[in-house]
Amino acid sequence: RPILSHAGKETMLESVSLHGNSACGIAENEESTSHFLVRVDRALRDEAANKLRTLFGNLVRYLPWDTYVVTASMSDARKFNAIAGVEGVFLLPAEMKLDQELAALL
């Protein structure tokens, strides 16, 4: 299922792999924090969310209701994939962090 966003169809989500080799700048510093989209299986949503909350604190629910925004380091984000119910982990693109009106000016 696609992750819905107002950032436009051109916005690409970069998956976080367990083994690194990410093309993003944050990969250069494994301990700096960033925002990640964490997609969870609908059947295991509560279990996965509780585990994420226990490990990383508050979660922000993103639309649709089975995706969360988590602030973490890249090294921690790589661990998300090992949590039962997590289907995918993606860097939150900068385009998704901007208000639509502001993004239109760029």
PDB file of N, CA and C in Angstrom:
ATOM      1  N   ARG A   1       0.842  -1.184   0.000  1.00  0.00           N
ATOM      2  CA  ARG A   1       0.000   0.000   0.000  1.00  0.00           C
ATOM      3  C   ARG A   1       0.885   1.245   0.000  1.00  0.00           C
ATOM      4  N   PRO A   2       0.472   2.237  -0.738  1.00  0.00           N
ATOM      5  CA  PRO A   2       1.267   3.474  -0.769  1.00  0.00           C
ATOM      6  C   PRO A   2       1.069   4.282   0.509  1.00  0.00           C
ATOM      7  N   ILE A   3       2.097   5.055   0.867  1.00  0.00           N
ATOM      8  CA  ILE A   3       1.966   6.000   1.965  1.00  0.00           C
ATOM      9  C   ILE A   3       1.474   7.300   1.347  1.00  0.00           C
ATOM     10  N   LEU A   4       0.325   7.761   1.790  1.00  0.00           N
ATOM     11  CA  LEU A   4      -0.274   8.954   1.215  1.00  0.00           C
ATOM     12  C   LEU A   4       0.413  10.198   1.759  1.00  0.00           C
ATOM     13  N   SER A   5       0.624  11.176   0.878  1.00  0.00           N
ATOM     14  CA  SER A   5       1.234  12.421   1.326  1.00  0.00           C
ATOM     15  C   SER A   5       0.815  13.550   0.411  1.00  0.00           C
ATOM     16  N   HIS A   6       0.953  14.763   0.915  1.00  0.00           N
ATOM     17  CA  HIS A   6       0.671  15.951   0.115  1.00  0.00           C
ATOM     18  C   HIS A   6       1.935  16.485  -0.539  1.00  0.00           C
ATOM     19  N   ALA A   7       3.029  15.749  -0.439  1.00  0.00           N
ATOM     20  CA  ALA A   7       4.314  16.220  -0.953  1.00  0.00           C
ATOM     21  C   ALA A   7       4.427  16.070  -2.467  1.00  0.00           C
ATOM     22  N   GLY A   8       3.506  15.389  -3.079  1.00  0.00           N
ATOM     23  CA  GLY A   8       3.534  15.226  -4.527  1.00  0.00           C
ATOM     24  C   GLY A   8       4.030  13.848  -4.935  1.00  0.00           C
ATOM     25  N   LYS A   9       3.633  13.445  -6.124  1.00  0.00           N
ATOM     26  CA  LYS A   9       3.983  12.106  -6.619  1.00  0.00           C
ATOM     27  C   LYS A   9       5.470  11.961  -6.906  1.00  0.00           C
ATOM     28  N   GLU A  10       6.176  13.078  -7.071  1.00  0.00           N
ATOM     29  CA  GLU A  10       7.603  13.019  -7.366  1.00  0.00           C
ATOM     30  C   GLU A  10       8.438  12.706  -6.129  1.00  0.00           C
ATOM     31  N   THR A  11       7.851  12.851  -4.950  1.00  0.00           N
ATOM     32  CA  THR A  11       8.580  12.614  -3.710  1.00  0.00           C
ATOM     33  C   THR A  11       8.836  11.125  -3.550  1.00  0.00           C
ATOM     34  N   MET A  12      10.104  10.791  -3.400  1.00  0.00           N
ATOM     35  CA  MET A  12      10.491   9.394  -3.246  1.00  0.00           C
ATOM     36  C   MET A  12      10.809   9.115  -1.787  1.00  0.00           C
ATOM     37  N   LEU A  13      10.368   7.975  -1.296  1.00  0.00           N
ATOM     38  CA  LEU A  13      10.698   7.556   0.055  1.00  0.00           C
ATOM     39  C   LEU A  13      11.954   6.692   0.002  1.00  0.00           C
ATOM     40  N   GLU A  14      12.918   7.006   0.863  1.00  0.00           N
ATOM     41  CA  GLU A  14      14.145   6.224   0.930  1.00  0.00           C
ATOM     42  C   GLU A  14      14.039   5.247   2.077  1.00  0.00           C
ATOM     43  N   SER A  15      14.077   3.972   1.734  1.00  0.00           N
ATOM     44  CA  SER A  15      13.969   2.926   2.739  1.00  0.00           C
ATOM     45  C   SER A  15      15.250   2.861   3.565  1.00  0.00           C
ATOM     46  N   VAL A  16      15.108   2.588   4.849  1.00  0.00           N
ATOM     47  CA  VAL A  16      16.254   2.432   5.740  1.00  0.00           C
ATOM     48  C   VAL A  16      16.582   0.948   5.787  1.00  0.00           C
ATOM     49  N   SER A  17      17.786   0.603   5.348  1.00  0.00           N
ATOM     50  CA  SER A  17      18.179  -0.804   5.346  1.00  0.00           C
ATOM     51  C   SER A  17      18.866  -1.160   6.655  1.00  0.00           C
ATOM     52  N   LEU A  18      18.905  -2.415   6.949  1.00  0.00           N
ATOM     53  CA  LEU A  18      19.558  -2.887   8.168  1.00  0.00           C
ATOM     54  C   LEU A  18      21.073  -2.744   8.105  1.00  0.00           C
ATOM     55  N   HIS A  19      21.599  -2.686   6.883  1.00  0.00           N
ATOM     56  CA  HIS A  19      23.051  -2.747   6.710  1.00  0.00           C
ATOM     57  C   HIS A  19      23.679  -1.441   6.261  1.00  0.00           C
ATOM     58  N   GLY A  20      22.940  -0.350   6.291  1.00  0.00           N
ATOM     59  CA  GLY A  20      23.521   0.942   5.919  1.00  0.00           C
ATOM     60  C   GLY A  20      23.507   1.167   4.426  1.00  0.00           C
ATOM     61  N   ASN A  21      24.524   1.825   3.925  1.00  0.00           N
ATOM     62  CA  ASN A  21      24.654   2.167   2.512  1.00  0.00           C
ATOM     63  C   ASN A  21      23.541   3.074   2.033  1.00  0.00           C
ATOM     64  N   SER A  22      23.070   3.943   2.885  1.00  0.00           N
ATOM     65  CA  SER A  22      22.045   4.903   2.506  1.00  0.00           C
ATOM     66  C   SER A  22      22.676   6.039   1.732  1.00  0.00           C
ATOM     67  N   ALA A  23      21.934   6.604   0.793  1.00  0.00           N
ATOM     68  CA  ALA A  23      22.449   7.708  -0.013  1.00  0.00           C
ATOM     69  C   ALA A  23      22.264   9.054   0.678  1.00  0.00           C
ATOM     70  N   CYS A  24      21.613   9.067   1.826  1.00  0.00           N
ATOM     71  CA  CYS A  24      21.320  10.337   2.483  1.00  0.00           C
ATOM     72  C   CYS A  24      22.475  10.805   3.351  1.00  0.00           C
ATOM     73  N   GLY A  25      22.549  12.095   3.598  1.00  0.00           N
ATOM     74  CA  GLY A  25      23.619  12.676   4.390  1.00  0.00           C
ATOM     75  C   GLY A  25      23.653  12.200   5.821  1.00  0.00           C
ATOM     76  N   ILE A  26      22.515  11.854   6.383  1.00  0.00           N
ATOM     77  CA  ILE A  26      22.472  11.438   7.781  1.00  0.00           C
ATOM     78  C   ILE A  26      23.244  10.147   8.011  1.00  0.00           C
ATOM     79  N   ALA A  27      23.402   9.351   6.966  1.00  0.00           N
ATOM     80  CA  ALA A  27      24.123   8.087   7.114  1.00  0.00           C
ATOM     81  C   ALA A  27      25.572   8.322   7.508  1.00  0.00           C
ATOM     82  N   GLU A  28      26.092   9.507   7.239  1.00  0.00           N
ATOM     83  CA  GLU A  28      27.468   9.816   7.590  1.00  0.00           C
ATOM     84  C   GLU A  28      27.637   9.910   9.105  1.00  0.00           C
ATOM     85  N   ASN A  29      26.586  10.255   9.812  1.00  0.00           N
ATOM     86  CA  ASN A  29      26.635  10.340  11.262  1.00  0.00           C
ATOM     87  C   ASN A  29      25.501   9.495  11.822  1.00  0.00           C
ATOM     88  N   GLU A  30      25.835   8.291  12.199  1.00  0.00           N
ATOM     89  CA  GLU A  30      24.835   7.324  12.647  1.00  0.00           C
ATOM     90  C   GLU A  30      24.070   7.771  13.884  1.00  0.00           C
ATOM     91  N   GLU A  31      24.633   8.655  14.694  1.00  0.00           N
ATOM     92  CA  GLU A  31      24.000   9.029  15.957  1.00  0.00           C
ATOM     93  C   GLU A  31      23.232  10.345  15.898  1.00  0.00           C
ATOM     94  N   SER A  32      23.323  11.101  14.803  1.00  0.00           N
ATOM     95  CA  SER A  32      22.508  12.311  14.718  1.00  0.00           C
ATOM     96  C   SER A  32      21.063  11.892  14.516  1.00  0.00           C
ATOM     97  N   THR A  33      20.132  12.687  15.026  1.00  0.00           N
ATOM     98  CA  THR A  33      18.724  12.292  14.947  1.00  0.00           C
ATOM     99  C   THR A  33      18.049  12.881  13.718  1.00  0.00           C
ATOM    100  N   SER A  34      17.040  12.178  13.288  1.00  0.00           N
ATOM    101  CA  SER A  34      16.220  12.613  12.166  1.00  0.00           C
ATOM    102  C   SER A  34      14.819  12.043  12.379  1.00  0.00           C
ATOM    103  N   HIS A  35      13.930  12.317  11.428  1.00  0.00           N
ATOM    104  CA  HIS A  35      12.563  11.791  11.502  1.00  0.00           C
ATOM    105  C   HIS A  35      12.413  10.641  10.512  1.00  0.00           C
ATOM    106  N   PHE A  36      11.695   9.621  10.943  1.00  0.00           N
ATOM    107  CA  PHE A  36      11.471   8.437  10.122  1.00  0.00           C
ATOM    108  C   PHE A  36       9.987   8.101  10.089  1.00  0.00           C
ATOM    109  N   LEU A  37       9.533   7.618   8.948  1.00  0.00           N
ATOM    110  CA  LEU A  37       8.187   7.056   8.835  1.00  0.00           C
ATOM    111  C   LEU A  37       8.309   5.563   9.098  1.00  0.00           C
ATOM    112  N   VAL A  38       7.523   5.061  10.032  1.00  0.00           N
ATOM    113  CA  VAL A  38       7.542   3.640  10.356  1.00  0.00           C
ATOM    114  C   VAL A  38       6.164   3.075  10.043  1.00  0.00           C
ATOM    115  N   ARG A  39       6.101   2.227   9.022  1.00  0.00           N
ATOM    116  CA  ARG A  39       4.844   1.598   8.594  1.00  0.00           C
ATOM    117  C   ARG A  39       4.686   0.287   9.328  1.00  0.00           C
ATOM    118  N   VAL A  40       3.513   0.068   9.927  1.00  0.00           N
ATOM    119  CA  VAL A  40       3.265  -1.157  10.682  1.00  0.00           C
ATOM    120  C   VAL A  40       2.110  -1.935  10.075  1.00  0.00           C
ATOM    121  N   ASP A  41       2.134  -3.235  10.303  1.00  0.00           N
ATOM    122  CA  ASP A  41       1.063  -4.113   9.866  1.00  0.00           C
ATOM    123  C   ASP A  41      -0.198  -3.763  10.650  1.00  0.00           C
ATOM    124  N   ARG A  42      -1.301  -3.662   9.966  1.00  0.00           N
ATOM    125  CA  ARG A  42      -2.541  -3.251  10.640  1.00  0.00           C
ATOM    126  C   ARG A  42      -2.940  -4.220  11.747  1.00  0.00           C
ATOM    127  N   ALA A  43      -2.717  -5.508  11.531  1.00  0.00           N
ATOM    128  CA  ALA A  43      -3.115  -6.501  12.536  1.00  0.00           C
ATOM    129  C   ALA A  43      -2.238  -6.418  13.787  1.00  0.00           C
ATOM    130  N   LEU A  44      -0.997  -5.960  13.631  1.00  0.00           N
ATOM    131  CA  LEU A  44      -0.068  -5.880  14.758  1.00  0.00           C
ATOM    132  C   LEU A  44       0.223  -4.436  15.152  1.00  0.00           C
ATOM    133  N   ARG A  45      -0.630  -3.517  14.727  1.00  0.00           N
ATOM    134  CA  ARG A  45      -0.382  -2.093  14.929  1.00  0.00           C
ATOM    135  C   ARG A  45      -0.160  -1.728  16.392  1.00  0.00           C
ATOM    136  N   ASP A  46      -1.053  -2.135  17.260  1.00  0.00           N
ATOM    137  CA  ASP A  46      -0.945  -1.754  18.674  1.00  0.00           C
ATOM    138  C   ASP A  46       0.319  -2.330  19.312  1.00  0.00           C
ATOM    139  N   GLU A  47       0.617  -3.595  19.017  1.00  0.00           N
ATOM    140  CA  GLU A  47       1.805  -4.243  19.566  1.00  0.00           C
ATOM    141  C   GLU A  47       3.082  -3.533  19.089  1.00  0.00           C
ATOM    142  N   ALA A  48       3.165  -3.244  17.800  1.00  0.00           N
ATOM    143  CA  ALA A  48       4.349  -2.573  17.250  1.00  0.00           C
ATOM    144  C   ALA A  48       4.473  -1.156  17.801  1.00  0.00           C
ATOM    145  N   ALA A  49       3.362  -0.431  17.876  1.00  0.00           N
ATOM    146  CA  ALA A  49       3.387   0.936  18.396  1.00  0.00           C
ATOM    147  C   ALA A  49       3.821   0.963  19.856  1.00  0.00           C
ATOM    148  N   ASN A  50       3.334   0.018  20.647  1.00  0.00           N
ATOM    149  CA  ASN A  50       3.724  -0.039  22.061  1.00  0.00           C
ATOM    150  C   ASN A  50       5.216  -0.314  22.210  1.00  0.00           C
ATOM    151  N   LYS A  51       5.749  -1.196  21.369  1.00  0.00           N
ATOM    152  CA  LYS A  51       7.186  -1.507  21.410  1.00  0.00           C
ATOM    153  C   LYS A  51       7.999  -0.273  21.012  1.00  0.00           C
ATOM    154  N   LEU A  52       7.598   0.418  19.949  1.00  0.00           N
ATOM    155  CA  LEU A  52       8.285   1.637  19.526  1.00  0.00           C
ATOM    156  C   LEU A  52       8.231   2.701  20.622  1.00  0.00           C
ATOM    157  N   ARG A  53       7.061   2.850  21.237  1.00  0.00           N
ATOM    158  CA  ARG A  53       6.880   3.835  22.313  1.00  0.00           C
ATOM    159  C   ARG A  53       7.787   3.516  23.505  1.00  0.00           C
ATOM    160  N   THR A  54       7.882   2.240  23.851  1.00  0.00           N
ATOM    161  CA  THR A  54       8.732   1.813  24.958  1.00  0.00           C
ATOM    162  C   THR A  54      10.201   2.127  24.675  1.00  0.00           C
ATOM    163  N   LEU A  55      10.639   1.902  23.449  1.00  0.00           N
ATOM    164  CA  LEU A  55      12.045   2.097  23.097  1.00  0.00           C
ATOM    165  C   LEU A  55      12.409   3.551  22.806  1.00  0.00           C
ATOM    166  N   PHE A  56      11.472   4.311  22.204  1.00  0.00           N
ATOM    167  CA  PHE A  56      11.836   5.625  21.676  1.00  0.00           C
ATOM    168  C   PHE A  56      10.950   6.767  22.140  1.00  0.00           C
ATOM    169  N   GLY A  57      10.040   6.523  23.054  1.00  0.00           N
ATOM    170  CA  GLY A  57       9.209   7.611  23.571  1.00  0.00           C
ATOM    171  C   GLY A  57       7.979   7.859  22.717  1.00  0.00           C
ATOM    172  N   ASN A  58       7.536   9.100  22.702  1.00  0.00           N
ATOM    173  CA  ASN A  58       6.296   9.455  22.015  1.00  0.00           C
ATOM    174  C   ASN A  58       6.376   9.225  20.511  1.00  0.00           C
ATOM    175  N   LEU A  59       5.269   8.794  19.963  1.00  0.00           N
ATOM    176  CA  LEU A  59       5.128   8.626  18.519  1.00  0.00           C
ATOM    177  C   LEU A  59       4.134   9.653  18.018  1.00  0.00           C
ATOM    178  N   VAL A  60       4.325  10.082  16.796  1.00  0.00           N
ATOM    179  CA  VAL A  60       3.344  10.944  16.143  1.00  0.00           C
ATOM    180  C   VAL A  60       2.691  10.105  15.061  1.00  0.00           C
ATOM    181  N   ARG A  61       1.382   9.986  15.115  1.00  0.00           N
ATOM    182  CA  ARG A  61       0.681   9.200  14.105  1.00  0.00           C
ATOM    183  C   ARG A  61       0.605  10.001  12.820  1.00  0.00           C
ATOM    184  N   TYR A  62       0.936   9.346  11.726  1.00  0.00           N
ATOM    185  CA  TYR A  62       0.891   9.950  10.407  1.00  0.00           C
ATOM    186  C   TYR A  62      -0.277   9.311   9.675  1.00  0.00           C
ATOM    187  N   LEU A  63      -0.772   9.956   8.666  1.00  0.00           N
ATOM    188  CA  LEU A  63      -1.844   9.359   7.869  1.00  0.00           C
ATOM    189  C   LEU A  63      -1.231   8.480   6.803  1.00  0.00           C
ATOM    190  N   PRO A  64      -1.714   7.322   6.542  1.00  0.00           N
ATOM    191  CA  PRO A  64      -2.836   6.651   7.188  1.00  0.00           C
ATOM    192  C   PRO A  64      -2.486   6.214   8.609  1.00  0.00           C
ATOM    193  N   TRP A  65      -3.455   5.668   9.291  1.00  0.00           N
ATOM    194  CA  TRP A  65      -3.326   5.382  10.710  1.00  0.00           C
ATOM    195  C   TRP A  65      -2.343   4.271  11.039  1.00  0.00           C
ATOM    196  N   ASP A  66      -1.736   3.650  10.054  1.00  0.00           N
ATOM    197  CA  ASP A  66      -0.796   2.561  10.312  1.00  0.00           C
ATOM    198  C   ASP A  66       0.663   2.987  10.108  1.00  0.00           C
ATOM    199  N   THR A  67       0.911   4.284  10.114  1.00  0.00           N
ATOM    200  CA  THR A  67       2.260   4.811   9.925  1.00  0.00           C
ATOM    201  C   THR A  67       2.525   5.858  11.009  1.00  0.00           C
ATOM    202  N   TYR A  68       3.733   5.816  11.555  1.00  0.00           N
ATOM    203  CA  TYR A  68       4.112   6.733  12.629  1.00  0.00           C
ATOM    204  C   TYR A  68       5.358   7.510  12.238  1.00  0.00           C
ATOM    205  N   VAL A  69       5.484   8.709  12.766  1.00  0.00           N
ATOM    206  CA  VAL A  69       6.712   9.480  12.640  1.00  0.00           C
ATOM    207  C   VAL A  69       7.470   9.296  13.950  1.00  0.00           C
ATOM    208  N   VAL A  70       8.718   8.864  13.846  1.00  0.00           N
ATOM    209  CA  VAL A  70       9.550   8.610  15.012  1.00  0.00           C
ATOM    210  C   VAL A  70      10.837   9.419  14.865  1.00  0.00           C
ATOM    211  N   THR A  71      11.246  10.068  15.929  1.00  0.00           N
ATOM    212  CA  THR A  71      12.530  10.762  15.955  1.00  0.00           C
ATOM    213  C   THR A  71      13.543   9.817  16.565  1.00  0.00           C
ATOM    214  N   ALA A  72      14.612   9.538  15.822  1.00  0.00           N
ATOM    215  CA  ALA A  72      15.619   8.588  16.294  1.00  0.00           C
ATOM    216  C   ALA A  72      16.911   8.790  15.515  1.00  0.00           C
ATOM    217  N   SER A  73      17.936   8.107  15.948  1.00  0.00           N
ATOM    218  CA  SER A  73      19.194   8.111  15.205  1.00  0.00           C
ATOM    219  C   SER A  73      19.084   7.075  14.082  1.00  0.00           C
ATOM    220  N   MET A  74      19.957   7.181  13.095  1.00  0.00           N
ATOM    221  CA  MET A  74      19.954   6.211  12.009  1.00  0.00           C
ATOM    222  C   MET A  74      20.257   4.813  12.538  1.00  0.00           C
ATOM    223  N   SER A  75      21.172   4.696  13.481  1.00  0.00           N
ATOM    224  CA  SER A  75      21.497   3.368  14.021  1.00  0.00           C
ATOM    225  C   SER A  75      20.284   2.758  14.728  1.00  0.00           C
ATOM    226  N   ASP A  76      19.503   3.577  15.446  1.00  0.00           N
ATOM    227  CA  ASP A  76      18.280   3.063  16.070  1.00  0.00           C
ATOM    228  C   ASP A  76      17.216   2.733  15.030  1.00  0.00           C
ATOM    229  N   ALA A  77      17.105   3.569  13.998  1.00  0.00           N
ATOM    230  CA  ALA A  77      16.099   3.332  12.960  1.00  0.00           C
ATOM    231  C   ALA A  77      16.327   1.993  12.270  1.00  0.00           C
ATOM    232  N   ARG A  78      17.574   1.590  12.138  1.00  0.00           N
ATOM    233  CA  ARG A  78      17.868   0.289  11.529  1.00  0.00           C
ATOM    234  C   ARG A  78      17.292  -0.854  12.367  1.00  0.00           C
ATOM    235  N   LYS A  79      17.128  -0.638  13.663  1.00  0.00           N
ATOM    236  CA  LYS A  79      16.603  -1.665  14.565  1.00  0.00           C
ATOM    237  C   LYS A  79      15.078  -1.802  14.459  1.00  0.00           C
ATOM    238  N   PHE A  80      14.413  -0.773  13.916  1.00  0.00           N
ATOM    239  CA  PHE A  80      12.949  -0.827  13.820  1.00  0.00           C
ATOM    240  C   PHE A  80      12.480  -2.043  13.038  1.00  0.00           C
ATOM    241  N   ASN A  81      13.223  -2.410  11.980  1.00  0.00           N
ATOM    242  CA  ASN A  81      12.810  -3.528  11.134  1.00  0.00           C
ATOM    243  C   ASN A  81      12.729  -4.850  11.891  1.00  0.00           C
ATOM    244  N   ALA A  82      13.420  -4.956  13.032  1.00  0.00           N
ATOM    245  CA  ALA A  82      13.395  -6.192  13.811  1.00  0.00           C
ATOM    246  C   ALA A  82      12.173  -6.287  14.719  1.00  0.00           C
ATOM    247  N   ILE A  83      11.408  -5.214  14.834  1.00  0.00           N
ATOM    248  CA  ILE A  83      10.230  -5.207  15.698  1.00  0.00           C
ATOM    249  C   ILE A  83       9.068  -5.892  14.976  1.00  0.00           C
ATOM    250  N   ALA A  84       8.452  -6.859  15.648  1.00  0.00           N
ATOM    251  CA  ALA A  84       7.319  -7.577  15.057  1.00  0.00           C
ATOM    252  C   ALA A  84       6.238  -6.589  14.657  1.00  0.00           C
ATOM    253  N   GLY A  85       5.776  -6.706  13.433  1.00  0.00           N
ATOM    254  CA  GLY A  85       4.707  -5.845  12.945  1.00  0.00           C
ATOM    255  C   GLY A  85       5.185  -4.658  12.120  1.00  0.00           C
ATOM    256  N   VAL A  86       6.482  -4.349  12.150  1.00  0.00           N
ATOM    257  CA  VAL A  86       7.000  -3.243  11.344  1.00  0.00           C
ATOM    258  C   VAL A  86       7.188  -3.734   9.912  1.00  0.00           C
ATOM    259  N   GLU A  87       6.549  -3.051   8.974  1.00  0.00           N
ATOM    260  CA  GLU A  87       6.619  -3.432   7.565  1.00  0.00           C
ATOM    261  C   GLU A  87       7.659  -2.648   6.784  1.00  0.00           C
ATOM    262  N   GLY A  88       7.974  -1.446   7.230  1.00  0.00           N
ATOM    263  CA  GLY A  88       8.948  -0.641   6.506  1.00  0.00           C
ATOM    264  C   GLY A  88       9.344   0.584   7.300  1.00  0.00           C
ATOM    265  N   VAL A  89      10.574   1.028   7.072  1.00  0.00           N
ATOM    266  CA  VAL A  89      11.105   2.217   7.724  1.00  0.00           C
ATOM    267  C   VAL A  89      11.673   3.114   6.635  1.00  0.00           C
ATOM    268  N   PHE A  90      11.261   4.388   6.634  1.00  0.00           N
ATOM    269  CA  PHE A  90      11.660   5.319   5.587  1.00  0.00           C
ATOM    270  C   PHE A  90      12.093   6.638   6.211  1.00  0.00           C
ATOM    271  N   LEU A  91      13.073   7.272   5.614  1.00  0.00           N
ATOM    272  CA  LEU A  91      13.415   8.631   6.016  1.00  0.00           C
ATOM    273  C   LEU A  91      12.250   9.533   5.671  1.00  0.00           C
ATOM    274  N   LEU A  92      11.924  10.460   6.548  1.00  0.00           N
ATOM    275  CA  LEU A  92      10.856  11.417   6.272  1.00  0.00           C
ATOM    276  C   LEU A  92      11.428  12.466   5.324  1.00  0.00           C
ATOM    277  N   PRO A  93      10.950  12.513   4.065  1.00  0.00           N
ATOM    278  CA  PRO A  93      11.494  13.477   3.099  1.00  0.00           C
ATOM    279  C   PRO A  93      11.239  14.921   3.537  1.00  0.00           C
ATOM    280  N   ALA A  94      12.171  15.782   3.217  1.00  0.00           N
ATOM    281  CA  ALA A  94      12.045  17.201   3.574  1.00  0.00           C
ATOM    282  C   ALA A  94      10.758  17.794   3.021  1.00  0.00           C
ATOM    283  N   GLU A  95      10.342  17.356   1.838  1.00  0.00           N
ATOM    284  CA  GLU A  95       9.117  17.883   1.227  1.00  0.00           C
ATOM    285  C   GLU A  95       7.898  17.628   2.093  1.00  0.00           C
ATOM    286  N   MET A  96       7.920  16.577   2.888  1.00  0.00           N
ATOM    287  CA  MET A  96       6.783  16.244   3.732  1.00  0.00           C
ATOM    288  C   MET A  96       6.798  17.029   5.039  1.00  0.00           C
ATOM    289  N   LYS A  97       7.888  17.747   5.302  1.00  0.00           N
ATOM    290  CA  LYS A  97       8.000  18.530   6.531  1.00  0.00           C
ATOM    291  C   LYS A  97       7.542  19.964   6.329  1.00  0.00           C
ATOM    292  N   LEU A  98       7.286  20.357   5.094  1.00  0.00           N
ATOM    293  CA  LEU A  98       6.917  21.732   4.787  1.00  0.00           C
ATOM    294  C   LEU A  98       5.424  21.868   4.551  1.00  0.00           C
ATOM    295  N   ASP A  99       4.901  22.988   4.936  1.00  0.00           N
ATOM    296  CA  ASP A  99       3.523  23.335   4.600  1.00  0.00           C
ATOM    297  C   ASP A  99       3.421  23.442   3.079  1.00  0.00           C
ATOM    298  N   GLN A 100       2.305  23.014   2.511  1.00  0.00           N
ATOM    299  CA  GLN A 100       2.129  23.035   1.058  1.00  0.00           C
ATOM    300  C   GLN A 100       2.355  24.408   0.446  1.00  0.00           C
ATOM    301  N   GLU A 101       1.859  25.445   1.104  1.00  0.00           N
ATOM    302  CA  GLU A 101       2.011  26.801   0.565  1.00  0.00           C
ATOM    303  C   GLU A 101       3.467  27.222   0.552  1.00  0.00           C
ATOM    304  N   LEU A 102       4.213  26.865   1.574  1.00  0.00           N
ATOM    305  CA  LEU A 102       5.628  27.200   1.617  1.00  0.00           C
ATOM    306  C   LEU A 102       6.387  26.374   0.575  1.00  0.00           C
ATOM    307  N   ALA A 103       6.068  25.106   0.458  1.00  0.00           N
ATOM    308  CA  ALA A 103       6.742  24.262  -0.516  1.00  0.00           C
ATOM    309  C   ALA A 103       6.513  24.757  -1.940  1.00  0.00           C
ATOM    310  N   ALA A 104       5.344  25.321  -2.212  1.00  0.00           N
ATOM    311  CA  ALA A 104       5.040  25.821  -3.547  1.00  0.00           C
ATOM    312  C   ALA A 104       5.931  27.018  -3.919  1.00  0.00           C
ATOM    313  N   LEU A 105       6.425  27.726  -2.935  1.00  0.00           N
ATOM    314  CA  LEU A 105       7.287  28.870  -3.193  1.00  0.00           C
ATOM    315  C   LEU A 105       8.718  28.472  -3.510  1.00  0.00           C
ATOM    316  N   LEU A 106       9.099  27.254  -3.166  1.00  0.00           N
ATOM    317  CA  LEU A 106      10.482  26.809  -3.366  1.00  0.00           C
ATOM    318  C   LEU A 106      10.744  26.354  -4.787  1.00  0.00           C
TER     319      LEU A 106
END
